[in-house]
Amino acid sequence: MTTPHPAEALVLAKVTPAVIERARQVRLMAFDVDGVLTDGSLWYGENGETMKRFNALDGHGLRLLGESGIIVALITGREGPILARRTGELGISLVLQGVRDKPQALSSLASEHGYGLEQVGFMGDDILDLAALQRVGFSASVPSAPPYVSQAAHWVASREGGHGAVRECTDLILAAQGRLSAFFAPNAVILSGVTQ
């Protein structure tokens, strides 16, 4: 095995070998939205419009996965135009809204792309995500998830949903696969977690 790039080593330093191996197998990564890509808050305007806050670091992490050849999908139980706008900005075309049976949705996506569920990852935070987390090869969650959800995950981010949890997850997958280093400028120096 080759020596990992310093940034990859930094990302993987606190991750167990079993989780790294699971992340190494991911070819299709799906994410819940509310509570994962957002902090779960819903703001309602005077005229009934709903607003959500997305994190730019998370969005960039999703782009990095896609640019690395990993298929990115979003699967959410809610429906609305806000997500379509955000995913349009990110170039994500696999967006499944109004989904109650997430395990079935993941199985269908895996089958459509020729992957087994052991090559699929999913990040979720609530009871609707539980069965999906238990069926995929790599499952991730956030610290604020109910304990029975986070305990079902192989890995739990240190950051909350909507505050960099997705970026933490995407960096883990890319580092486990030796793909994160490709995004560093040739002259970038990594010292104690600081890029100079």
Foldseek 3Di string as FASTA:
>chain_A
DDDFDPLLCVLCVPPDPLQLVLLQLAQEEEEEPQFAQFVNDWDADPVGDIDTAGDPLLLVLQLLCVVVNRQYAYAYLADDCVVVVSCVVSVHDHYHYNDQQVLVVLCVVCVVVVHDQSNYEYEDAEPSCQVVQQRHNAYEYEPPGPPSRRVSGSYYAPDIHRGCRSSSVSSSSCSSNSNPVVPDDPPWDADPNDTD
